[in-house]
Amino acid sequence: MTQARGVPVISAVSLTTAPGGFTPNVEGFSNTREVSQMTLQFTSVAGSTLLETTAFTLPVTAACNAWYSSAASQPFGSSFRFTLPLTVTGDDRVIDSVVVRISNSVGASLPVTGRRN
């Protein structure tokens, strides 16, 4: 049985607080064993405003190619986990959540929201 090539699937997104910022953690899989970019859209807590960029797209092809071609990835099949430590200028408590979308050569995943813990 052959499985059709599909868009990446995000299974979990969380935001972990860190000194001076936070870390978005994204878990999922890509049955094509490649991912090209990740888009993050941040939202503020009610009554607050984010003053700088609220969305950005990261090229992740090189990191994913390195992961999927490594021996360490073999037991995990097409699974991946991105951990992105980010530094925040100003009060990082105004960030409530992040919406993540990941793309591969087939298309983009459904968006998944992660909230601060």
PDB file of N, CA and C in Angstrom:
ATOM      1  N   MET A   1       0.846  -1.172   0.000  1.00  0.00           N
ATOM      2  CA  MET A   1       0.000   0.000   0.000  1.00  0.00           C
ATOM      3  C   MET A   1       0.892   1.237   0.000  1.00  0.00           C
ATOM      4  N   THR A   2       0.628   2.156  -0.883  1.00  0.00           N
ATOM      5  CA  THR A   2       1.392   3.392  -0.974  1.00  0.00           C
ATOM      6  C   THR A   2       0.565   4.538  -0.429  1.00  0.00           C
ATOM      7  N   GLN A   3       1.193   5.353   0.395  1.00  0.00           N
ATOM      8  CA  GLN A   3       0.511   6.518   0.953  1.00  0.00           C
ATOM      9  C   GLN A   3       0.800   7.718   0.078  1.00  0.00           C
ATOM     10  N   ALA A   4      -0.218   8.506  -0.230  1.00  0.00           N
ATOM     11  CA  ALA A   4      -0.047   9.699  -1.047  1.00  0.00           C
ATOM     12  C   ALA A   4       0.776  10.751  -0.302  1.00  0.00           C
ATOM     13  N   ARG A   5       1.573  11.498  -1.059  1.00  0.00           N
ATOM     14  CA  ARG A   5       2.332  12.597  -0.471  1.00  0.00           C
ATOM     15  C   ARG A   5       1.341  13.631   0.061  1.00  0.00           C
ATOM     16  N   GLY A   6       1.605  14.127   1.273  1.00  0.00           N
ATOM     17  CA  GLY A   6       0.663  15.063   1.875  1.00  0.00           C
ATOM     18  C   GLY A   6       1.333  16.279   2.486  1.00  0.00           C
ATOM     19  N   VAL A   7       0.509  17.226   2.854  1.00  0.00           N
ATOM     20  CA  VAL A   7       1.007  18.412   3.551  1.00  0.00           C
ATOM     21  C   VAL A   7       1.459  17.999   4.948  1.00  0.00           C
ATOM     22  N   PRO A   8       2.329  18.779   5.592  1.00  0.00           N
ATOM     23  CA  PRO A   8       2.733  18.447   6.966  1.00  0.00           C
ATOM     24  C   PRO A   8       1.526  18.505   7.916  1.00  0.00           C
ATOM     25  N   VAL A   9       1.637  17.774   8.994  1.00  0.00           N
ATOM     26  CA  VAL A   9       0.606  17.771  10.036  1.00  0.00           C
ATOM     27  C   VAL A   9       1.260  18.219  11.335  1.00  0.00           C
ATOM     28  N   ILE A  10       0.651  19.209  11.993  1.00  0.00           N
ATOM     29  CA  ILE A  10       1.123  19.667  13.298  1.00  0.00           C
ATOM     30  C   ILE A  10       0.266  18.978  14.353  1.00  0.00           C
ATOM     31  N   SER A  11       0.913  18.240  15.252  1.00  0.00           N
ATOM     32  CA  SER A  11       0.172  17.520  16.286  1.00  0.00           C
ATOM     33  C   SER A  11       0.100  18.281  17.605  1.00  0.00           C
ATOM     34  N   ALA A  12       1.061  19.184  17.862  1.00  0.00           N
ATOM     35  CA  ALA A  12       1.053  19.948  19.121  1.00  0.00           C
ATOM     36  C   ALA A  12       1.903  21.203  18.979  1.00  0.00           C
ATOM     37  N   VAL A  13       1.441  22.274  19.617  1.00  0.00           N
ATOM     38  CA  VAL A  13       2.190  23.530  19.709  1.00  0.00           C
ATOM     39  C   VAL A  13       2.053  24.032  21.134  1.00  0.00           C
ATOM     40  N   SER A  14       3.174  24.438  21.727  1.00  0.00           N
ATOM     41  CA  SER A  14       3.136  25.036  23.068  1.00  0.00           C
ATOM     42  C   SER A  14       4.141  26.177  23.130  1.00  0.00           C
ATOM     43  N   LEU A  15       3.953  27.056  24.091  1.00  0.00           N
ATOM     44  CA  LEU A  15       4.888  28.155  24.365  1.00  0.00           C
ATOM     45  C   LEU A  15       5.418  27.965  25.768  1.00  0.00           C
ATOM     46  N   THR A  16       6.711  27.789  25.901  1.00  0.00           N
ATOM     47  CA  THR A  16       7.350  27.630  27.194  1.00  0.00           C
ATOM     48  C   THR A  16       8.045  28.933  27.558  1.00  0.00           C
ATOM     49  N   THR A  17       7.793  29.440  28.751  1.00  0.00           N
ATOM     50  CA  THR A  17       8.432  30.671  29.211  1.00  0.00           C
ATOM     51  C   THR A  17       9.898  30.412  29.513  1.00  0.00           C
ATOM     52  N   ALA A  18      10.737  31.362  29.091  1.00  0.00           N
ATOM     53  CA  ALA A  18      12.176  31.289  29.334  1.00  0.00           C
ATOM     54  C   ALA A  18      12.646  32.668  29.770  1.00  0.00           C
ATOM     55  N   PRO A  19      13.788  32.785  30.455  1.00  0.00           N
ATOM     56  CA  PRO A  19      14.275  34.103  30.857  1.00  0.00           C
ATOM     57  C   PRO A  19      14.465  35.018  29.646  1.00  0.00           C
ATOM     58  N   GLY A  20      13.793  36.172  29.656  1.00  0.00           N
ATOM     59  CA  GLY A  20      13.919  37.136  28.568  1.00  0.00           C
ATOM     60  C   GLY A  20      13.149  36.791  27.315  1.00  0.00           C
ATOM     61  N   GLY A  21      12.285  35.794  27.377  1.00  0.00           N
ATOM     62  CA  GLY A  21      11.517  35.422  26.196  1.00  0.00           C
ATOM     63  C   GLY A  21      10.707  34.175  26.403  1.00  0.00           C
ATOM     64  N   PHE A  22      10.603  33.386  25.361  1.00  0.00           N
ATOM     65  CA  PHE A  22       9.823  32.160  25.410  1.00  0.00           C
ATOM     66  C   PHE A  22      10.284  31.251  24.280  1.00  0.00           C
ATOM     67  N   THR A  23       9.824  30.014  24.305  1.00  0.00           N
ATOM     68  CA  THR A  23      10.209  29.040  23.290  1.00  0.00           C
ATOM     69  C   THR A  23       8.965  28.382  22.716  1.00  0.00           C
ATOM     70  N   PRO A  24       8.655  28.634  21.440  1.00  0.00           N
ATOM     71  CA  PRO A  24       7.611  27.852  20.785  1.00  0.00           C
ATOM     72  C   PRO A  24       8.140  26.439  20.504  1.00  0.00           C
ATOM     73  N   ASN A  25       7.348  25.440  20.821  1.00  0.00           N
ATOM     74  CA  ASN A  25       7.675  24.037  20.561  1.00  0.00           C
ATOM     75  C   ASN A  25       6.609  23.490  19.618  1.00  0.00           C
ATOM     76  N   VAL A  26       7.040  22.959  18.484  1.00  0.00           N
ATOM     77  CA  VAL A  26       6.113  22.482  17.457  1.00  0.00           C
ATOM     78  C   VAL A  26       6.437  21.023  17.151  1.00  0.00           C
ATOM     79  N   GLU A  27       5.435  20.162  17.246  1.00  0.00           N
ATOM     80  CA  GLU A  27       5.615  18.744  16.947  1.00  0.00           C
ATOM     81  C   GLU A  27       4.665  18.332  15.836  1.00  0.00           C
ATOM     82  N   GLY A  28       5.128  17.440  14.983  1.00  0.00           N
ATOM     83  CA  GLY A  28       4.278  16.957  13.907  1.00  0.00           C
ATOM     84  C   GLY A  28       5.005  15.970  13.034  1.00  0.00           C
ATOM     85  N   PHE A  29       4.511  15.826  11.797  1.00  0.00           N
ATOM     86  CA  PHE A  29       5.172  14.940  10.850  1.00  0.00           C
ATOM     87  C   PHE A  29       4.926  15.418   9.425  1.00  0.00           C
ATOM     88  N   SER A  30       5.819  14.993   8.548  1.00  0.00           N
ATOM     89  CA  SER A  30       5.711  15.282   7.123  1.00  0.00           C
ATOM     90  C   SER A  30       6.034  13.988   6.390  1.00  0.00           C
ATOM     91  N   ASN A  31       5.017  13.382   5.759  1.00  0.00           N
ATOM     92  CA  ASN A  31       5.270  12.087   5.130  1.00  0.00           C
ATOM     93  C   ASN A  31       6.174  12.198   3.901  1.00  0.00           C
ATOM     94  N   THR A  32       6.453  13.416   3.451  1.00  0.00           N
ATOM     95  CA  THR A  32       7.431  13.625   2.376  1.00  0.00           C
ATOM     96  C   THR A  32       8.847  13.717   2.943  1.00  0.00           C
ATOM     97  N   ARG A  33       8.958  13.737   4.261  1.00  0.00           N
ATOM     98  CA  ARG A  33      10.244  13.872   4.980  1.00  0.00           C
ATOM     99  C   ARG A  33      10.998  15.122   4.535  1.00  0.00           C
ATOM    100  N   GLU A  34      10.242  16.204   4.349  1.00  0.00           N
ATOM    101  CA  GLU A  34      10.846  17.497   4.071  1.00  0.00           C
ATOM    102  C   GLU A  34       9.861  18.584   4.506  1.00  0.00           C
ATOM    103  N   VAL A  35      10.419  19.678   5.008  1.00  0.00           N
ATOM    104  CA  VAL A  35       9.644  20.848   5.401  1.00  0.00           C
ATOM    105  C   VAL A  35      10.433  22.059   4.932  1.00  0.00           C
ATOM    106  N   SER A  36       9.750  23.021   4.325  1.00  0.00           N
ATOM    107  CA  SER A  36      10.463  24.167   3.752  1.00  0.00           C
ATOM    108  C   SER A  36      10.358  25.438   4.582  1.00  0.00           C
ATOM    109  N   GLN A  37       9.207  25.674   5.207  1.00  0.00           N
ATOM    110  CA  GLN A  37       9.084  26.899   5.998  1.00  0.00           C
ATOM    111  C   GLN A  37       8.062  26.755   7.114  1.00  0.00           C
ATOM    112  N   MET A  38       8.214  27.648   8.100  1.00  0.00           N
ATOM    113  CA  MET A  38       7.315  27.704   9.239  1.00  0.00           C
ATOM    114  C   MET A  38       6.879  29.159   9.416  1.00  0.00           C
ATOM    115  N   THR A  39       5.582  29.364   9.545  1.00  0.00           N
ATOM    116  CA  THR A  39       5.049  30.702   9.772  1.00  0.00           C
ATOM    117  C   THR A  39       4.489  30.762  11.185  1.00  0.00           C
ATOM    118  N   LEU A  40       4.868  31.814  11.926  1.00  0.00           N
ATOM    119  CA  LEU A  40       4.405  32.026  13.296  1.00  0.00           C
ATOM    120  C   LEU A  40       3.661  33.358  13.358  1.00  0.00           C
ATOM    121  N   GLN A  41       2.471  33.353  13.929  1.00  0.00           N
ATOM    122  CA  GLN A  41       1.656  34.568  14.115  1.00  0.00           C
ATOM    123  C   GLN A  41       1.340  34.687  15.603  1.00  0.00           C
ATOM    124  N   PHE A  42       1.858  35.729  16.241  1.00  0.00           N
ATOM    125  CA  PHE A  42       1.677  35.916  17.676  1.00  0.00           C
ATOM    126  C   PHE A  42       0.482  36.806  17.966  1.00  0.00           C
ATOM    127  N   THR A  43      -0.229  36.496  19.056  1.00  0.00           N
ATOM    128  CA  THR A  43      -1.336  37.332  19.509  1.00  0.00           C
ATOM    129  C   THR A  43      -1.067  37.767  20.946  1.00  0.00           C
ATOM    130  N   SER A  44      -1.605  38.922  21.281  1.00  0.00           N
ATOM    131  CA  SER A  44      -1.393  39.483  22.618  1.00  0.00           C
ATOM    132  C   SER A  44      -2.535  39.102  23.549  1.00  0.00           C
ATOM    133  N   VAL A  45      -2.285  39.255  24.846  1.00  0.00           N
ATOM    134  CA  VAL A  45      -3.338  39.045  25.837  1.00  0.00           C
ATOM    135  C   VAL A  45      -4.360  40.159  25.677  1.00  0.00           C
ATOM    136  N   ALA A  46      -5.574  39.904  26.113  1.00  0.00           N
ATOM    137  CA  ALA A  46      -6.644  40.899  25.999  1.00  0.00           C
ATOM    138  C   ALA A  46      -6.227  42.203  26.666  1.00  0.00           C
ATOM    139  N   GLY A  47      -6.442  43.312  25.974  1.00  0.00           N
ATOM    140  CA  GLY A  47      -6.117  44.629  26.518  1.00  0.00           C
ATOM    141  C   GLY A  47      -4.688  45.070  26.279  1.00  0.00           C
ATOM    142  N   SER A  48      -3.875  44.246  25.617  1.00  0.00           N
ATOM    143  CA  SER A  48      -2.479  44.578  25.326  1.00  0.00           C
ATOM    144  C   SER A  48      -2.271  44.644  23.816  1.00  0.00           C
ATOM    145  N   THR A  49      -1.173  45.277  23.442  1.00  0.00           N
ATOM    146  CA  THR A  49      -0.826  45.391  22.032  1.00  0.00           C
ATOM    147  C   THR A  49       0.632  45.007  21.850  1.00  0.00           C
ATOM    148  N   LEU A  50       0.896  44.226  20.806  1.00  0.00           N
ATOM    149  CA  LEU A  50       2.267  43.908  20.450  1.00  0.00           C
ATOM    150  C   LEU A  50       2.787  45.043  19.577  1.00  0.00           C
ATOM    151  N   LEU A  51       3.947  45.596  19.930  1.00  0.00           N
ATOM    152  CA  LEU A  51       4.441  46.780  19.250  1.00  0.00           C
ATOM    153  C   LEU A  51       5.333  46.475  18.050  1.00  0.00           C
ATOM    154  N   GLU A  52       5.908  45.322  18.001  1.00  0.00           N
ATOM    155  CA  GLU A  52       6.820  44.968  16.907  1.00  0.00           C
ATOM    156  C   GLU A  52       6.148  43.964  15.979  1.00  0.00           C
ATOM    157  N   THR A  53       6.922  43.287  15.208  1.00  0.00           N
ATOM    158  CA  THR A  53       6.411  42.297  14.261  1.00  0.00           C
ATOM    159  C   THR A  53       5.617  41.227  14.987  1.00  0.00           C
ATOM    160  N   THR A  54       4.425  40.922  14.479  1.00  0.00           N
ATOM    161  CA  THR A  54       3.592  39.899  15.102  1.00  0.00           C
ATOM    162  C   THR A  54       3.602  38.594  14.319  1.00  0.00           C
ATOM    163  N   ALA A  55       4.172  38.626  13.108  1.00  0.00           N
ATOM    164  CA  ALA A  55       4.224  37.407  12.296  1.00  0.00           C
ATOM    165  C   ALA A  55       5.533  37.365  11.524  1.00  0.00           C
ATOM    166  N   PHE A  56       6.060  36.169  11.376  1.00  0.00           N
ATOM    167  CA  PHE A  56       7.230  35.999  10.523  1.00  0.00           C
ATOM    168  C   PHE A  56       7.290  34.571  10.005  1.00  0.00           C
ATOM    169  N   THR A  57       8.003  34.430   8.888  1.00  0.00           N
ATOM    170  CA  THR A  57       8.175  33.136   8.252  1.00  0.00           C
ATOM    171  C   THR A  57       9.645  32.764   8.289  1.00  0.00           C
ATOM    172  N   LEU A  58       9.915  31.551   8.734  1.00  0.00           N
ATOM    173  CA  LEU A  58      11.288  31.059   8.837  1.00  0.00           C
ATOM    174  C   LEU A  58      11.548  29.993   7.791  1.00  0.00           C
ATOM    175  N   PRO A  59      12.658  30.110   7.046  1.00  0.00           N
ATOM    176  CA  PRO A  59      13.035  29.007   6.163  1.00  0.00           C
ATOM    177  C   PRO A  59      13.644  27.893   7.017  1.00  0.00           C
ATOM    178  N   VAL A  60      13.159  26.688   6.877  1.00  0.00           N
ATOM    179  CA  VAL A  60      13.638  25.573   7.705  1.00  0.00           C
ATOM    180  C   VAL A  60      14.115  24.377   6.872  1.00  0.00           C
ATOM    181  N   THR A  61      14.289  24.576   5.580  1.00  0.00           N
ATOM    182  CA  THR A  61      14.702  23.483   4.703  1.00  0.00           C
ATOM    183  C   THR A  61      16.003  22.832   5.165  1.00  0.00           C
ATOM    184  N   ALA A  62      17.024  23.644   5.423  1.00  0.00           N
ATOM    185  CA  ALA A  62      18.336  23.095   5.794  1.00  0.00           C
ATOM    186  C   ALA A  62      18.259  22.292   7.092  1.00  0.00           C
ATOM    187  N   ALA A  63      17.570  22.832   8.096  1.00  0.00           N
ATOM    188  CA  ALA A  63      17.448  22.129   9.379  1.00  0.00           C
ATOM    189  C   ALA A  63      16.688  20.812   9.206  1.00  0.00           C
ATOM    190  N   CYS A  64      15.623  20.835   8.429  1.00  0.00           N
ATOM    191  CA  CYS A  64      14.836  19.607   8.230  1.00  0.00           C
ATOM    192  C   CYS A  64      15.590  18.587   7.390  1.00  0.00           C
ATOM    193  N   ASN A  65      16.289  19.045   6.367  1.00  0.00           N
ATOM    194  CA  ASN A  65      17.088  18.111   5.571  1.00  0.00           C
ATOM    195  C   ASN A  65      18.141  17.433   6.437  1.00  0.00           C
ATOM    196  N   ALA A  66      18.778  18.217   7.317  1.00  0.00           N
ATOM    197  CA  ALA A  66      19.793  17.652   8.215  1.00  0.00           C
ATOM    198  C   ALA A  66      19.155  16.612   9.139  1.00  0.00           C
ATOM    199  N   TRP A  67      17.973  16.920   9.675  1.00  0.00           N
ATOM    200  CA  TRP A  67      17.288  15.994  10.580  1.00  0.00           C
ATOM    201  C   TRP A  67      16.903  14.704   9.845  1.00  0.00           C
ATOM    202  N   TYR A  68      16.185  14.849   8.729  1.00  0.00           N
ATOM    203  CA  TYR A  68      15.678  13.674   8.033  1.00  0.00           C
ATOM    204  C   TYR A  68      16.776  12.813   7.418  1.00  0.00           C
ATOM    205  N   SER A  69      17.957  13.376   7.160  1.00  0.00           N
ATOM    206  CA  SER A  69      19.050  12.575   6.607  1.00  0.00           C
ATOM    207  C   SER A  69      19.952  11.985   7.694  1.00  0.00           C
ATOM    208  N   SER A  70      19.678  12.319   8.964  1.00  0.00           N
ATOM    209  CA  SER A  70      20.511  11.805  10.055  1.00  0.00           C
ATOM    210  C   SER A  70      20.047  10.422  10.508  1.00  0.00           C
ATOM    211  N   ALA A  71      20.972   9.660  11.030  1.00  0.00           N
ATOM    212  CA  ALA A  71      20.644   8.343  11.585  1.00  0.00           C
ATOM    213  C   ALA A  71      19.710   8.482  12.789  1.00  0.00           C
ATOM    214  N   ALA A  72      19.845   9.584  13.524  1.00  0.00           N
ATOM    215  CA  ALA A  72      19.016   9.798  14.717  1.00  0.00           C
ATOM    216  C   ALA A  72      17.534   9.901  14.382  1.00  0.00           C
ATOM    217  N   SER A  73      17.181  10.334  13.171  1.00  0.00           N
ATOM    218  CA  SER A  73      15.773  10.497  12.800  1.00  0.00           C
ATOM    219  C   SER A  73      15.101   9.182  12.420  1.00  0.00           C
ATOM    220  N   GLN A  74      15.863   8.174  12.075  1.00  0.00           N
ATOM    221  CA  GLN A  74      15.304   6.926  11.548  1.00  0.00           C
ATOM    222  C   GLN A  74      14.248   6.284  12.449  1.00  0.00           C
ATOM    223  N   PRO A  75      14.439   6.215  13.772  1.00  0.00           N
ATOM    224  CA  PRO A  75      13.402   5.598  14.610  1.00  0.00           C
ATOM    225  C   PRO A  75      12.091   6.404  14.659  1.00  0.00           C
ATOM    226  N   PHE A  76      12.145   7.670  14.229  1.00  0.00           N
ATOM    227  CA  PHE A  76      10.977   8.539  14.322  1.00  0.00           C
ATOM    228  C   PHE A  76      10.225   8.681  13.009  1.00  0.00           C
ATOM    229  N   GLY A  77      10.706   8.041  11.945  1.00  0.00           N
ATOM    230  CA  GLY A  77      10.018   8.104  10.659  1.00  0.00           C
ATOM    231  C   GLY A  77       9.944   9.513  10.133  1.00  0.00           C
ATOM    232  N   SER A  78       8.727   9.999   9.932  1.00  0.00           N
ATOM    233  CA  SER A  78       8.542  11.338   9.368  1.00  0.00           C
ATOM    234  C   SER A  78       8.271  12.405  10.432  1.00  0.00           C
ATOM    235  N   SER A  79       8.397  12.051  11.716  1.00  0.00           N
ATOM    236  CA  SER A  79       8.127  13.001  12.811  1.00  0.00           C
ATOM    237  C   SER A  79       9.219  14.051  12.941  1.00  0.00           C
ATOM    238  N   PHE A  80       8.835  15.206  13.449  1.00  0.00           N
ATOM    239  CA  PHE A  80       9.791  16.277  13.732  1.00  0.00           C
ATOM    240  C   PHE A  80       9.369  17.019  14.990  1.00  0.00           C
ATOM    241  N   ARG A  81      10.316  17.759  15.554  1.00  0.00           N
ATOM    242  CA  ARG A  81      10.036  18.673  16.657  1.00  0.00           C
ATOM    243  C   ARG A  81      10.928  19.889  16.482  1.00  0.00           C
ATOM    244  N   PHE A  82      10.306  21.057  16.379  1.00  0.00           N
ATOM    245  CA  PHE A  82      11.020  22.325  16.318  1.00  0.00           C
ATOM    246  C   PHE A  82      10.977  22.960  17.698  1.00  0.00           C
ATOM    247  N   THR A  83      12.105  23.411  18.165  1.00  0.00           N
ATOM    248  CA  THR A  83      12.201  24.164  19.408  1.00  0.00           C
ATOM    249  C   THR A  83      12.910  25.463  19.064  1.00  0.00           C
ATOM    250  N   LEU A  84      12.216  26.609  19.223  1.00  0.00           N
ATOM    251  CA  LEU A  84      12.729  27.892  18.760  1.00  0.00           C
ATOM    252  C   LEU A  84      12.842  28.896  19.901  1.00  0.00           C
ATOM    253  N   PRO A  85      13.973  28.963  20.600  1.00  0.00           N
ATOM    254  CA  PRO A  85      14.119  29.959  21.670  1.00  0.00           C
ATOM    255  C   PRO A  85      14.096  31.369  21.071  1.00  0.00           C
ATOM    256  N   LEU A  86      13.209  32.215  21.569  1.00  0.00           N
ATOM    257  CA  LEU A  86      13.072  33.591  21.081  1.00  0.00           C
ATOM    258  C   LEU A  86      13.272  34.579  22.221  1.00  0.00           C
ATOM    259  N   THR A  87      13.989  35.648  21.939  1.00  0.00           N
ATOM    260  CA  THR A  87      14.197  36.718  22.907  1.00  0.00           C
ATOM    261  C   THR A  87      13.187  37.822  22.628  1.00  0.00           C
ATOM    262  N   VAL A  88      12.635  38.390  23.677  1.00  0.00           N
ATOM    263  CA  VAL A  88      11.639  39.445  23.544  1.00  0.00           C
ATOM    264  C   VAL A  88      12.190  40.738  24.126  1.00  0.00           C
ATOM    265  N   THR A  89      12.043  41.813  23.375  1.00  0.00           N
ATOM    266  CA  THR A  89      12.380  43.137  23.886  1.00  0.00           C
ATOM    267  C   THR A  89      11.118  43.708  24.502  1.00  0.00           C
ATOM    268  N   GLY A  90      11.183  44.090  25.754  1.00  0.00           N
ATOM    269  CA  GLY A  90      10.003  44.597  26.442  1.00  0.00           C
ATOM    270  C   GLY A  90       9.370  43.509  27.292  1.00  0.00           C
ATOM    271  N   ASP A  91       8.108  43.678  27.567  1.00  0.00           N
ATOM    272  CA  ASP A  91       7.370  42.784  28.456  1.00  0.00           C
ATOM    273  C   ASP A  91       6.837  41.579  27.685  1.00  0.00           C
ATOM    274  N   ASP A  92       7.438  40.415  27.895  1.00  0.00           N
ATOM    275  CA  ASP A  92       7.003  39.230  27.160  1.00  0.00           C
ATOM    276  C   ASP A  92       5.679  38.668  27.676  1.00  0.00           C
ATOM    277  N   ARG A  93       5.178  39.190  28.779  1.00  0.00           N
ATOM    278  CA  ARG A  93       3.906  38.701  29.330  1.00  0.00           C
ATOM    279  C   ARG A  93       2.707  39.112  28.481  1.00  0.00           C
ATOM    280  N   VAL A  94       2.894  40.043  27.522  1.00  0.00           N
ATOM    281  CA  VAL A  94       1.778  40.447  26.670  1.00  0.00           C
ATOM    282  C   VAL A  94       1.509  39.429  25.566  1.00  0.00           C
ATOM    283  N   ILE A  95       2.412  38.473  25.360  1.00  0.00           N
ATOM    284  CA  ILE A  95       2.206  37.446  24.338  1.00  0.00           C
ATOM    285  C   ILE A  95       1.364  36.322  24.936  1.00  0.00           C
ATOM    286  N   ASP A  96       0.221  36.094  24.310  1.00  0.00           N
ATOM    287  CA  ASP A  96      -0.717  35.085  24.800  1.00  0.00           C
ATOM    288  C   ASP A  96      -0.582  33.766  24.065  1.00  0.00           C
ATOM    289  N   SER A  97      -0.447  33.829  22.735  1.00  0.00           N
ATOM    290  CA  SER A  97      -0.442  32.595  21.960  1.00  0.00           C
ATOM    291  C   SER A  97       0.282  32.788  20.634  1.00  0.00           C
ATOM    292  N   VAL A  98       0.504  31.662  19.958  1.00  0.00           N
ATOM    293  CA  VAL A  98       1.111  31.669  18.632  1.00  0.00           C
ATOM    294  C   VAL A  98       0.330  30.691  17.752  1.00  0.00           C
ATOM    295  N   VAL A  99       0.078  31.107  16.520  1.00  0.00           N
ATOM    296  CA  VAL A  99      -0.528  30.232  15.520  1.00  0.00           C
ATOM    297  C   VAL A  99       0.586  29.826  14.571  1.00  0.00           C
ATOM    298  N   VAL A 100       0.731  28.517  14.355  1.00  0.00           N
ATOM    299  CA  VAL A 100       1.828  27.985  13.536  1.00  0.00           C
ATOM    300  C   VAL A 100       1.254  27.275  12.316  1.00  0.00           C
ATOM    301  N   ARG A 101       1.925  27.502  11.199  1.00  0.00           N
ATOM    302  CA  ARG A 101       1.615  26.789   9.957  1.00  0.00           C
ATOM    303  C   ARG A 101       2.948  26.351   9.352  1.00  0.00           C
ATOM    304  N   ILE A 102       3.018  25.125   8.852  1.00  0.00           N
ATOM    305  CA  ILE A 102       4.259  24.581   8.282  1.00  0.00           C
ATOM    306  C   ILE A 102       3.968  24.134   6.851  1.00  0.00           C
ATOM    307  N   SER A 103       4.951  24.362   5.965  1.00  0.00           N
ATOM    308  CA  SER A 103       4.778  24.009   4.555  1.00  0.00           C
ATOM    309  C   SER A 103       5.847  23.030   4.081  1.00  0.00           C
ATOM    310  N   ASN A 104       5.454  22.209   3.108  1.00  0.00           N
ATOM    311  CA  ASN A 104       6.412  21.366   2.389  1.00  0.00           C
ATOM    312  C   ASN A 104       6.111  21.516   0.899  1.00  0.00           C
ATOM    313  N   SER A 105       6.683  20.671   0.059  1.00  0.00           N
ATOM    314  CA  SER A 105       6.505  20.801  -1.384  1.00  0.00           C
ATOM    315  C   SER A 105       5.074  20.530  -1.842  1.00  0.00           C
ATOM    316  N   VAL A 106       4.251  19.910  -1.006  1.00  0.00           N
ATOM    317  CA  VAL A 106       2.865  19.616  -1.358  1.00  0.00           C
ATOM    318  C   VAL A 106       1.945  20.783  -1.001  1.00  0.00           C
ATOM    319  N   GLY A 107       2.237  21.480   0.109  1.00  0.00           N
ATOM    320  CA  GLY A 107       1.387  22.591   0.539  1.00  0.00           C
ATOM    321  C   GLY A 107       1.588  22.901   2.004  1.00  0.00           C
ATOM    322  N   ALA A 108       0.618  23.610   2.568  1.00  0.00           N
ATOM    323  CA  ALA A 108       0.708  24.077   3.960  1.00  0.00           C
ATOM    324  C   ALA A 108      -0.191  23.266   4.877  1.00  0.00           C
ATOM    325  N   SER A 109       0.273  23.106   6.120  1.00  0.00           N
ATOM    326  CA  SER A 109      -0.511  22.433   7.155  1.00  0.00           C
ATOM    327  C   SER A 109      -1.703  23.286   7.550  1.00  0.00           C
ATOM    328  N   LEU A 110      -2.608  22.687   8.272  1.00  0.00           N
ATOM    329  CA  LEU A 110      -3.653  23.469   8.926  1.00  0.00           C
ATOM    330  C   LEU A 110      -2.986  24.268  10.039  1.00  0.00           C
ATOM    331  N   PRO A 111      -3.494  25.456  10.359  1.00  0.00           N
ATOM    332  CA  PRO A 111      -2.901  26.233  11.452  1.00  0.00           C
ATOM    333  C   PRO A 111      -3.245  25.606  12.799  1.00  0.00           C
ATOM    334  N   VAL A 112      -2.272  25.664  13.730  1.00  0.00           N
ATOM    335  CA  VAL A 112      -2.476  25.143  15.075  1.00  0.00           C
ATOM    336  C   VAL A 112      -2.018  26.206  16.060  1.00  0.00           C
ATOM    337  N   THR A 113      -2.817  26.444  17.089  1.00  0.00           N
ATOM    338  CA  THR A 113      -2.529  27.466  18.093  1.00  0.00           C
ATOM    339  C   THR A 113      -1.922  26.848  19.342  1.00  0.00           C
ATOM    340  N   GLY A 114      -0.886  27.498  19.860  1.00  0.00           N
ATOM    341  CA  GLY A 114      -0.277  27.104  21.129  1.00  0.00           C
ATOM    342  C   GLY A 114      -0.354  28.277  22.094  1.00  0.00           C
ATOM    343  N   ARG A 115      -0.667  27.996  23.337  1.00  0.00           N
ATOM    344  CA  ARG A 115      -0.783  29.038  24.358  1.00  0.00           C
ATOM    345  C   ARG A 115       0.356  28.915  25.352  1.00  0.00           C
ATOM    346  N   ARG A 116       0.625  30.017  26.047  1.00  0.00           N
ATOM    347  CA  ARG A 116       1.670  30.006  27.088  1.00  0.00           C
ATOM    348  C   ARG A 116       1.274  29.048  28.196  1.00  0.00           C
ATOM    349  N   ASN A 117       2.283  28.426  28.777  1.00  0.00           N
ATOM    350  CA  ASN A 117       1.989  27.548  29.913  1.00  0.00           C
ATOM    351  C   ASN A 117       2.583  28.129  31.167  1.00  0.00           C
TER     352      ASN A 117
END
